[in-house]
Amino acid sequence: MERNFGPVVQLGYLVPDIHAAMRHWTEVIGVGPFHLIEHTPFTELWYRGAPVHVDQSAALAQWGDVQVELVHQHNDVTCVHTTFAGRARGGLQHVAVWCDSIAAEFERLKPRGIEPVQWGAVGEIRFAFLDTDQHDGLMVELIERGPGIEEFFRIVRESARDWDGREPVRVVSLG
């Protein structure tokens, strides 16, 4: 059977308090350091075909072969986060996979009944959330390969390699 998606490279958790979540992950789980992007500077963002302004912060760390993303939405704009069934408590909201072209993936997946729900960019970094959560609430996020995002993943991965527990949160500026 042909798989619709490549291997998972990121687990995305929606959290009600990003600072408490980072403390939990670093102190209890032992994952870190987290790279915190406060108020993500989206250059474009669409939800179900309409432009949307989502104010969110994200923190990313590496756990073995997979990246962990913690997302906290600061406003109540309708998007993939506010429609997540586990929003109040938080939880695993998406898994991310690489792709070479988001546009090509939209075309490839459309005949299979898989449509984009939310998509956008942060500078040259492009992503899309797909309508794959009909049964269990878990969405698939496509991350389009490119030098900027691949370098960011490398930095997150390498910072975790010999992390000694110091400097558990590192603020990142993408703007």
N, C-alpha and C. Protein backbone atom coordinates (compact mmCIF):
# COMPACT_ATOMS: atom_id res chain seq x y z
N MET A 1 0.83 -1.18 0.00
CA MET A 1 0.00 0.00 0.00
C MET A 1 0.88 1.25 0.00
N GLU A 2 0.54 2.20 -0.83
CA GLU A 2 1.28 3.46 -0.88
C GLU A 2 0.89 4.34 0.30
N ARG A 3 1.88 4.92 0.94
CA ARG A 3 1.63 5.83 2.05
C ARG A 3 1.37 7.23 1.49
N ASN A 4 0.44 7.95 2.14
CA ASN A 4 0.14 9.32 1.70
C ASN A 4 1.21 10.31 2.14
N PHE A 5 1.95 9.97 3.22
CA PHE A 5 2.89 10.91 3.80
C PHE A 5 4.19 10.21 4.17
N GLY A 6 5.26 11.00 4.20
CA GLY A 6 6.56 10.49 4.62
C GLY A 6 6.62 10.34 6.13
N PRO A 7 7.79 10.02 6.67
CA PRO A 7 7.93 9.81 8.11
C PRO A 7 7.67 11.10 8.89
N VAL A 8 7.17 10.93 10.09
CA VAL A 8 6.90 12.06 10.98
C VAL A 8 8.21 12.66 11.45
N VAL A 9 8.34 13.99 11.33
CA VAL A 9 9.54 14.68 11.78
C VAL A 9 9.26 15.59 12.97
N GLN A 10 7.95 15.79 13.28
CA GLN A 10 7.61 16.69 14.37
C GLN A 10 6.28 16.28 14.99
N LEU A 11 6.23 16.37 16.34
CA LEU A 11 4.99 16.19 17.09
C LEU A 11 4.58 17.57 17.57
N GLY A 12 3.36 18.00 17.24
CA GLY A 12 2.90 19.34 17.59
C GLY A 12 1.83 19.31 18.66
N TYR A 13 2.14 19.89 19.82
CA TYR A 13 1.21 19.92 20.95
C TYR A 13 0.64 21.32 21.12
N LEU A 14 -0.66 21.40 21.28
CA LEU A 14 -1.30 22.66 21.65
C LEU A 14 -1.30 22.71 23.17
N VAL A 15 -0.82 23.83 23.75
CA VAL A 15 -0.69 23.93 25.20
C VAL A 15 -1.36 25.20 25.71
N PRO A 16 -2.00 25.14 26.89
CA PRO A 16 -2.65 26.33 27.43
C PRO A 16 -1.66 27.33 28.05
N ASP A 17 -0.46 26.89 28.40
CA ASP A 17 0.56 27.76 29.01
C ASP A 17 1.91 27.29 28.49
N ILE A 18 2.49 28.03 27.55
CA ILE A 18 3.72 27.58 26.89
C ILE A 18 4.90 27.52 27.86
N HIS A 19 4.97 28.43 28.82
CA HIS A 19 6.10 28.42 29.77
C HIS A 19 6.00 27.23 30.72
N ALA A 20 4.80 26.93 31.20
CA ALA A 20 4.61 25.75 32.06
C ALA A 20 4.90 24.48 31.26
N ALA A 21 4.49 24.45 29.99
CA ALA A 21 4.74 23.26 29.15
C ALA A 21 6.24 23.07 28.92
N MET A 22 6.97 24.15 28.66
CA MET A 22 8.42 24.01 28.47
C MET A 22 9.09 23.51 29.75
N ARG A 23 8.65 24.02 30.92
CA ARG A 23 9.22 23.53 32.19
C ARG A 23 8.95 22.04 32.35
N HIS A 24 7.71 21.61 32.05
CA HIS A 24 7.36 20.20 32.15
C HIS A 24 8.26 19.35 31.24
N TRP A 25 8.37 19.74 29.98
CA TRP A 25 9.15 18.96 29.03
C TRP A 25 10.63 18.92 29.41
N THR A 26 11.18 20.04 29.89
CA THR A 26 12.61 20.04 30.22
C THR A 26 12.88 19.35 31.55
N GLU A 27 12.05 19.61 32.57
CA GLU A 27 12.32 19.09 33.92
C GLU A 27 11.81 17.68 34.16
N VAL A 28 10.65 17.34 33.59
CA VAL A 28 10.05 16.02 33.83
C VAL A 28 10.43 15.03 32.73
N ILE A 29 10.28 15.43 31.49
CA ILE A 29 10.56 14.53 30.36
C ILE A 29 12.05 14.52 30.03
N GLY A 30 12.73 15.64 30.23
CA GLY A 30 14.16 15.73 29.93
C GLY A 30 14.47 16.12 28.50
N VAL A 31 13.52 16.76 27.84
CA VAL A 31 13.69 17.19 26.45
C VAL A 31 14.03 18.68 26.45
N GLY A 32 15.02 19.05 25.67
CA GLY A 32 15.37 20.45 25.57
C GLY A 32 16.70 20.59 24.86
N PRO A 33 17.15 21.80 24.69
CA PRO A 33 16.51 23.05 25.07
C PRO A 33 15.42 23.43 24.07
N PHE A 34 14.51 24.29 24.53
CA PHE A 34 13.45 24.78 23.66
C PHE A 34 13.86 26.09 23.02
N HIS A 35 13.53 26.22 21.75
CA HIS A 35 13.77 27.44 20.98
C HIS A 35 12.41 28.13 20.86
N LEU A 36 12.24 29.25 21.57
CA LEU A 36 10.96 29.93 21.70
C LEU A 36 10.82 31.05 20.68
N ILE A 37 9.75 30.97 19.91
CA ILE A 37 9.40 32.01 18.94
C ILE A 37 8.14 32.68 19.49
N GLU A 38 8.31 33.87 20.05
CA GLU A 38 7.17 34.57 20.63
C GLU A 38 6.44 35.35 19.55
N HIS A 39 5.12 35.22 19.54
CA HIS A 39 4.27 35.93 18.58
C HIS A 39 4.80 35.73 17.16
N THR A 40 4.67 34.50 16.69
CA THR A 40 5.18 34.07 15.38
C THR A 40 4.88 35.12 14.30
N PRO A 41 5.90 35.59 13.59
CA PRO A 41 5.71 36.63 12.58
C PRO A 41 5.26 36.05 11.22
N PHE A 42 4.00 35.62 11.14
CA PHE A 42 3.49 35.09 9.88
C PHE A 42 3.55 36.17 8.81
N THR A 43 4.02 35.82 7.62
CA THR A 43 3.98 36.75 6.50
C THR A 43 2.71 36.54 5.69
N GLU A 44 2.10 35.38 5.84
CA GLU A 44 0.77 35.12 5.31
C GLU A 44 0.19 33.93 6.07
N LEU A 45 -1.14 33.93 6.22
CA LEU A 45 -1.82 32.83 6.89
C LEU A 45 -3.26 32.78 6.42
N TRP A 46 -3.70 31.59 6.03
CA TRP A 46 -5.04 31.37 5.49
C TRP A 46 -5.71 30.24 6.27
N TYR A 47 -6.98 30.41 6.57
CA TYR A 47 -7.78 29.36 7.20
C TYR A 47 -9.03 29.16 6.34
N ARG A 48 -9.17 27.97 5.80
CA ARG A 48 -10.30 27.61 4.93
C ARG A 48 -10.54 28.66 3.83
N GLY A 49 -9.43 29.12 3.25
CA GLY A 49 -9.48 30.01 2.09
C GLY A 49 -9.56 31.49 2.39
N ALA A 50 -9.64 31.88 3.65
CA ALA A 50 -9.72 33.30 4.01
C ALA A 50 -8.49 33.69 4.83
N PRO A 51 -7.99 34.92 4.61
CA PRO A 51 -6.86 35.35 5.42
C PRO A 51 -7.25 35.43 6.90
N VAL A 52 -6.32 35.12 7.77
CA VAL A 52 -6.59 35.08 9.20
C VAL A 52 -5.37 35.62 9.95
N HIS A 53 -5.63 36.27 11.10
CA HIS A 53 -4.53 36.77 11.93
C HIS A 53 -4.51 35.98 13.23
N VAL A 54 -3.60 35.03 13.32
CA VAL A 54 -3.43 34.21 14.51
C VAL A 54 -2.22 34.73 15.27
N ASP A 55 -2.40 35.01 16.55
CA ASP A 55 -1.29 35.41 17.42
C ASP A 55 -0.92 34.20 18.25
N GLN A 56 0.23 33.63 17.94
CA GLN A 56 0.66 32.41 18.64
C GLN A 56 2.14 32.49 18.95
N SER A 57 2.55 31.71 19.94
CA SER A 57 3.96 31.50 20.22
C SER A 57 4.21 30.01 20.08
N ALA A 58 5.44 29.66 19.68
CA ALA A 58 5.80 28.26 19.50
C ALA A 58 7.18 28.03 20.11
N ALA A 59 7.36 26.85 20.68
CA ALA A 59 8.65 26.45 21.24
C ALA A 59 9.01 25.09 20.67
N LEU A 60 10.25 24.95 20.22
CA LEU A 60 10.66 23.72 19.54
C LEU A 60 11.92 23.15 20.16
N ALA A 61 11.91 21.83 20.33
CA ALA A 61 13.06 21.10 20.87
C ALA A 61 13.14 19.75 20.17
N GLN A 62 14.25 19.08 20.35
CA GLN A 62 14.45 17.77 19.72
C GLN A 62 14.35 16.67 20.75
N TRP A 63 13.65 15.59 20.40
CA TRP A 63 13.53 14.41 21.25
C TRP A 63 13.92 13.20 20.40
N GLY A 64 15.19 12.82 20.44
CA GLY A 64 15.66 11.74 19.57
C GLY A 64 15.57 12.17 18.12
N ASP A 65 14.89 11.37 17.32
CA ASP A 65 14.78 11.66 15.89
C ASP A 65 13.63 12.60 15.54
N VAL A 66 12.83 12.97 16.52
CA VAL A 66 11.65 13.78 16.22
C VAL A 66 11.70 15.11 16.97
N GLN A 67 11.21 16.14 16.32
CA GLN A 67 11.13 17.45 16.94
C GLN A 67 9.80 17.57 17.68
N VAL A 68 9.82 18.27 18.82
CA VAL A 68 8.61 18.54 19.59
C VAL A 68 8.31 20.03 19.45
N GLU A 69 7.08 20.35 19.06
CA GLU A 69 6.64 21.73 18.96
C GLU A 69 5.51 21.96 19.95
N LEU A 70 5.66 22.98 20.77
CA LEU A 70 4.61 23.40 21.70
C LEU A 70 4.04 24.70 21.15
N VAL A 71 2.71 24.78 21.01
CA VAL A 71 2.07 25.96 20.44
C VAL A 71 1.04 26.49 21.42
N HIS A 72 1.09 27.80 21.65
CA HIS A 72 0.09 28.48 22.46
C HIS A 72 -0.48 29.62 21.64
N GLN A 73 -1.82 29.62 21.47
CA GLN A 73 -2.48 30.69 20.74
C GLN A 73 -2.95 31.74 21.74
N HIS A 74 -2.55 33.00 21.50
CA HIS A 74 -2.87 34.10 22.40
C HIS A 74 -4.24 34.72 22.14
N ASN A 75 -4.76 34.62 20.92
CA ASN A 75 -6.07 35.20 20.62
C ASN A 75 -7.08 34.09 20.31
N ASP A 76 -8.33 34.45 20.11
CA ASP A 76 -9.38 33.45 19.89
C ASP A 76 -9.84 33.36 18.44
N VAL A 77 -9.01 33.78 17.50
CA VAL A 77 -9.35 33.70 16.09
C VAL A 77 -9.54 32.23 15.71
N THR A 78 -10.58 31.95 14.95
CA THR A 78 -10.85 30.59 14.51
C THR A 78 -9.75 30.11 13.57
N CYS A 79 -9.17 28.96 13.93
CA CYS A 79 -8.10 28.36 13.13
C CYS A 79 -7.95 26.91 13.57
N VAL A 80 -6.91 26.24 13.11
CA VAL A 80 -6.74 24.82 13.46
C VAL A 80 -6.54 24.61 14.95
N HIS A 81 -6.08 25.62 15.66
CA HIS A 81 -5.88 25.48 17.10
C HIS A 81 -7.19 25.64 17.88
N THR A 82 -7.99 26.61 17.52
CA THR A 82 -9.24 26.84 18.27
C THR A 82 -10.28 25.78 17.97
N THR A 83 -10.15 25.09 16.85
CA THR A 83 -11.11 24.02 16.51
C THR A 83 -10.64 22.65 16.99
N PHE A 84 -9.45 22.59 17.60
CA PHE A 84 -8.91 21.34 18.14
C PHE A 84 -9.74 20.91 19.35
N ALA A 85 -10.23 19.69 19.33
CA ALA A 85 -11.12 19.19 20.38
C ALA A 85 -10.50 19.25 21.76
N GLY A 86 -9.19 19.06 21.87
CA GLY A 86 -8.53 19.05 23.18
C GLY A 86 -7.94 20.39 23.58
N ARG A 87 -8.42 21.48 23.00
CA ARG A 87 -7.81 22.79 23.20
C ARG A 87 -7.70 23.19 24.66
N ALA A 88 -8.75 23.05 25.45
CA ALA A 88 -8.75 23.54 26.84
C ALA A 88 -7.65 22.88 27.66
N ARG A 89 -7.50 21.59 27.51
CA ARG A 89 -6.50 20.85 28.29
C ARG A 89 -5.14 20.83 27.59
N GLY A 90 -5.17 20.89 26.27
CA GLY A 90 -3.95 20.76 25.48
C GLY A 90 -3.73 19.31 25.10
N GLY A 91 -2.82 19.10 24.17
CA GLY A 91 -2.51 17.75 23.75
C GLY A 91 -1.94 17.70 22.35
N LEU A 92 -1.65 16.49 21.89
CA LEU A 92 -1.07 16.29 20.56
C LEU A 92 -2.10 16.69 19.51
N GLN A 93 -1.81 17.73 18.75
CA GLN A 93 -2.74 18.29 17.78
C GLN A 93 -2.34 17.95 16.34
N HIS A 94 -1.04 17.83 16.08
CA HIS A 94 -0.62 17.50 14.72
C HIS A 94 0.71 16.75 14.70
N VAL A 95 0.94 16.08 13.60
CA VAL A 95 2.24 15.53 13.27
C VAL A 95 2.68 16.19 11.96
N ALA A 96 3.97 16.45 11.83
CA ALA A 96 4.46 17.13 10.64
C ALA A 96 5.36 16.21 9.83
N VAL A 97 5.30 16.40 8.51
CA VAL A 97 6.11 15.65 7.57
C VAL A 97 6.71 16.64 6.57
N TRP A 98 7.84 16.26 5.99
CA TRP A 98 8.46 17.08 4.95
C TRP A 98 7.74 16.88 3.62
N CYS A 99 7.81 17.90 2.78
CA CYS A 99 7.40 17.75 1.38
C CYS A 99 8.27 18.67 0.54
N ASP A 100 8.35 18.39 -0.75
CA ASP A 100 9.15 19.24 -1.65
C ASP A 100 8.37 20.44 -2.15
N SER A 101 7.04 20.30 -2.27
CA SER A 101 6.20 21.39 -2.77
C SER A 101 4.80 21.26 -2.17
N ILE A 102 4.38 22.26 -1.42
CA ILE A 102 3.03 22.23 -0.85
C ILE A 102 1.99 22.25 -1.96
N ALA A 103 2.19 23.08 -2.98
CA ALA A 103 1.22 23.13 -4.09
C ALA A 103 1.07 21.77 -4.76
N ALA A 104 2.19 21.08 -4.99
CA ALA A 104 2.13 19.75 -5.61
C ALA A 104 1.43 18.76 -4.69
N GLU A 105 1.66 18.86 -3.38
CA GLU A 105 0.98 17.97 -2.43
C GLU A 105 -0.53 18.22 -2.42
N PHE A 106 -0.95 19.48 -2.49
CA PHE A 106 -2.38 19.78 -2.56
C PHE A 106 -3.01 19.06 -3.75
N GLU A 107 -2.36 19.13 -4.90
CA GLU A 107 -2.87 18.49 -6.12
C GLU A 107 -2.87 16.97 -5.99
N ARG A 108 -1.80 16.41 -5.42
CA ARG A 108 -1.68 14.95 -5.27
C ARG A 108 -2.72 14.40 -4.30
N LEU A 109 -2.99 15.14 -3.23
CA LEU A 109 -3.89 14.64 -2.18
C LEU A 109 -5.36 14.91 -2.45
N LYS A 110 -5.67 15.88 -3.29
CA LYS A 110 -7.08 16.24 -3.55
C LYS A 110 -7.92 15.05 -4.03
N PRO A 111 -7.45 14.23 -4.97
CA PRO A 111 -8.25 13.08 -5.39
C PRO A 111 -8.50 12.05 -4.27
N ARG A 112 -7.67 12.10 -3.24
CA ARG A 112 -7.84 11.20 -2.09
C ARG A 112 -8.79 11.79 -1.04
N GLY A 113 -9.32 13.00 -1.32
CA GLY A 113 -10.24 13.64 -0.39
C GLY A 113 -9.57 14.38 0.74
N ILE A 114 -8.27 14.64 0.60
CA ILE A 114 -7.51 15.34 1.64
C ILE A 114 -7.28 16.78 1.17
N GLU A 115 -7.89 17.72 1.87
CA GLU A 115 -7.84 19.13 1.49
C GLU A 115 -7.05 19.94 2.52
N PRO A 116 -6.48 21.07 2.11
CA PRO A 116 -5.83 21.95 3.08
C PRO A 116 -6.87 22.68 3.92
N VAL A 117 -6.55 22.88 5.20
CA VAL A 117 -7.43 23.62 6.11
C VAL A 117 -6.80 24.98 6.42
N GLN A 118 -5.50 24.97 6.73
CA GLN A 118 -4.80 26.20 7.06
C GLN A 118 -3.41 26.13 6.45
N TRP A 119 -2.96 27.23 5.87
CA TRP A 119 -1.65 27.26 5.26
C TRP A 119 -1.09 28.67 5.32
N GLY A 120 0.23 28.75 5.18
CA GLY A 120 0.84 30.07 5.23
C GLY A 120 2.34 30.00 5.18
N ALA A 121 2.94 31.11 5.66
CA ALA A 121 4.39 31.22 5.61
C ALA A 121 4.89 32.13 6.73
N VAL A 122 6.10 31.86 7.13
CA VAL A 122 6.88 32.74 8.00
C VAL A 122 8.13 33.01 7.18
N GLY A 123 8.17 34.17 6.52
CA GLY A 123 9.25 34.44 5.58
C GLY A 123 9.21 33.42 4.47
N GLU A 124 10.33 32.73 4.23
CA GLU A 124 10.40 31.72 3.16
C GLU A 124 9.92 30.35 3.62
N ILE A 125 9.62 30.20 4.89
CA ILE A 125 9.20 28.90 5.43
C ILE A 125 7.70 28.72 5.20
N ARG A 126 7.35 27.68 4.43
CA ARG A 126 5.95 27.43 4.06
C ARG A 126 5.46 26.15 4.73
N PHE A 127 4.17 26.16 5.11
CA PHE A 127 3.57 25.02 5.81
C PHE A 127 2.09 24.96 5.47
N ALA A 128 1.48 23.80 5.75
CA ALA A 128 0.04 23.64 5.55
C ALA A 128 -0.48 22.54 6.47
N PHE A 129 -1.64 22.79 7.06
CA PHE A 129 -2.33 21.77 7.86
C PHE A 129 -3.43 21.17 6.98
N LEU A 130 -3.54 19.85 7.02
CA LEU A 130 -4.47 19.12 6.15
C LEU A 130 -5.67 18.60 6.92
N ASP A 131 -6.75 18.41 6.21
CA ASP A 131 -8.01 17.92 6.76
C ASP A 131 -7.93 16.40 6.94
N THR A 132 -7.16 15.99 7.94
CA THR A 132 -6.97 14.55 8.21
C THR A 132 -7.48 14.16 9.59
N ASP A 133 -8.20 15.06 10.26
CA ASP A 133 -8.54 14.84 11.67
C ASP A 133 -10.00 14.44 11.89
N GLN A 134 -10.67 13.88 10.90
CA GLN A 134 -12.08 13.54 11.02
C GLN A 134 -12.37 12.53 12.13
N HIS A 135 -11.45 11.64 12.41
CA HIS A 135 -11.76 10.55 13.35
C HIS A 135 -11.08 10.68 14.71
N ASP A 136 -9.84 11.14 14.73
CA ASP A 136 -9.13 11.13 16.01
C ASP A 136 -8.58 12.48 16.44
N GLY A 137 -8.89 13.54 15.70
CA GLY A 137 -8.45 14.87 16.08
C GLY A 137 -7.02 15.20 15.72
N LEU A 138 -6.30 14.31 15.05
CA LEU A 138 -4.90 14.55 14.73
C LEU A 138 -4.76 15.02 13.29
N MET A 139 -4.15 16.19 13.10
CA MET A 139 -3.93 16.73 11.76
C MET A 139 -2.52 16.40 11.30
N VAL A 140 -2.35 16.40 9.99
CA VAL A 140 -1.03 16.28 9.39
C VAL A 140 -0.64 17.67 8.90
N GLU A 141 0.58 18.08 9.24
CA GLU A 141 1.12 19.35 8.75
C GLU A 141 2.21 19.04 7.74
N LEU A 142 2.13 19.71 6.60
CA LEU A 142 3.20 19.64 5.61
C LEU A 142 4.17 20.78 5.87
N ILE A 143 5.46 20.48 5.84
CA ILE A 143 6.49 21.51 5.93
C ILE A 143 7.30 21.42 4.64
N GLU A 144 7.30 22.50 3.89
CA GLU A 144 8.00 22.51 2.62
C GLU A 144 9.50 22.67 2.83
N ARG A 145 10.25 21.74 2.26
CA ARG A 145 11.72 21.79 2.38
C ARG A 145 12.25 23.10 1.80
N GLY A 146 13.29 23.60 2.43
CA GLY A 146 13.96 24.81 1.96
C GLY A 146 15.11 25.11 2.89
N PRO A 147 16.05 25.94 2.46
CA PRO A 147 17.24 26.20 3.27
C PRO A 147 16.92 26.76 4.66
N GLY A 148 15.98 27.69 4.78
CA GLY A 148 15.68 28.31 6.07
C GLY A 148 15.15 27.32 7.09
N ILE A 149 14.16 26.53 6.71
CA ILE A 149 13.56 25.59 7.67
C ILE A 149 14.50 24.43 7.95
N GLU A 150 15.21 23.98 6.95
CA GLU A 150 16.15 22.87 7.18
C GLU A 150 17.28 23.31 8.11
N GLU A 151 17.74 24.56 8.00
CA GLU A 151 18.76 25.07 8.90
C GLU A 151 18.20 25.20 10.32
N PHE A 152 16.97 25.66 10.46
CA PHE A 152 16.37 25.78 11.78
C PHE A 152 16.23 24.41 12.44
N PHE A 153 15.76 23.41 11.70
CA PHE A 153 15.67 22.04 12.24
C PHE A 153 17.05 21.54 12.66
N ARG A 154 18.09 21.86 11.88
CA ARG A 154 19.46 21.44 12.21
C ARG A 154 19.91 22.07 13.53
N ILE A 155 19.64 23.37 13.70
CA ILE A 155 20.02 24.07 14.94
C ILE A 155 19.32 23.45 16.14
N VAL A 156 18.03 23.19 16.02
CA VAL A 156 17.28 22.59 17.13
C VAL A 156 17.84 21.20 17.45
N ARG A 157 18.09 20.40 16.42
CA ARG A 157 18.62 19.04 16.61
C ARG A 157 20.00 19.07 17.26
N GLU A 158 20.90 19.92 16.76
CA GLU A 158 22.26 19.96 17.29
C GLU A 158 22.32 20.52 18.71
N SER A 159 21.44 21.47 19.03
CA SER A 159 21.46 22.03 20.39
C SER A 159 21.05 20.99 21.42
N ALA A 160 20.26 20.01 21.00
CA ALA A 160 19.81 18.96 21.92
C ALA A 160 20.87 17.87 22.11
N ARG A 161 21.74 17.73 21.16
CA ARG A 161 22.71 16.62 21.15
C ARG A 161 23.49 16.52 22.46
N ASP A 162 24.07 17.59 22.92
CA ASP A 162 24.88 17.56 24.14
C ASP A 162 24.30 18.49 25.22
N TRP A 163 23.00 18.70 25.19
CA TRP A 163 22.37 19.62 26.14
C TRP A 163 22.55 19.11 27.56
N ASP A 164 23.00 20.00 28.44
CA ASP A 164 23.30 19.63 29.83
C ASP A 164 22.26 20.15 30.83
N GLY A 165 21.14 20.64 30.34
CA GLY A 165 20.09 21.15 31.22
C GLY A 165 20.16 22.64 31.46
N ARG A 166 21.28 23.26 31.11
CA ARG A 166 21.40 24.71 31.28
C ARG A 166 20.74 25.42 30.10
N GLU A 167 20.31 26.64 30.33
CA GLU A 167 19.65 27.46 29.32
C GLU A 167 18.55 26.65 28.61
N PRO A 168 17.52 26.26 29.38
CA PRO A 168 16.46 25.41 28.82
C PRO A 168 15.57 26.10 27.79
N VAL A 169 15.54 27.44 27.80
CA VAL A 169 14.73 28.19 26.83
C VAL A 169 15.63 29.21 26.14
N ARG A 170 15.61 29.19 24.83
CA ARG A 170 16.40 30.13 24.01
C ARG A 170 15.46 30.87 23.09
N VAL A 171 15.35 32.17 23.26
CA VAL A 171 14.43 32.98 22.47
C VAL A 171 15.01 33.15 21.07
N VAL A 172 14.16 32.93 20.07
CA VAL A 172 14.55 33.02 18.67
C VAL A 172 13.80 34.20 18.04
N SER A 173 14.49 34.97 17.22
CA SER A 173 13.86 36.07 16.50
C SER A 173 13.82 35.72 15.02
N LEU A 174 12.62 35.64 14.47
CA LEU A 174 12.47 35.35 13.04
C LEU A 174 12.09 36.60 12.26
N GLY A 175 11.79 37.69 12.95
CA GLY A 175 11.32 38.90 12.29
C GLY A 175 12.43 39.79 11.92
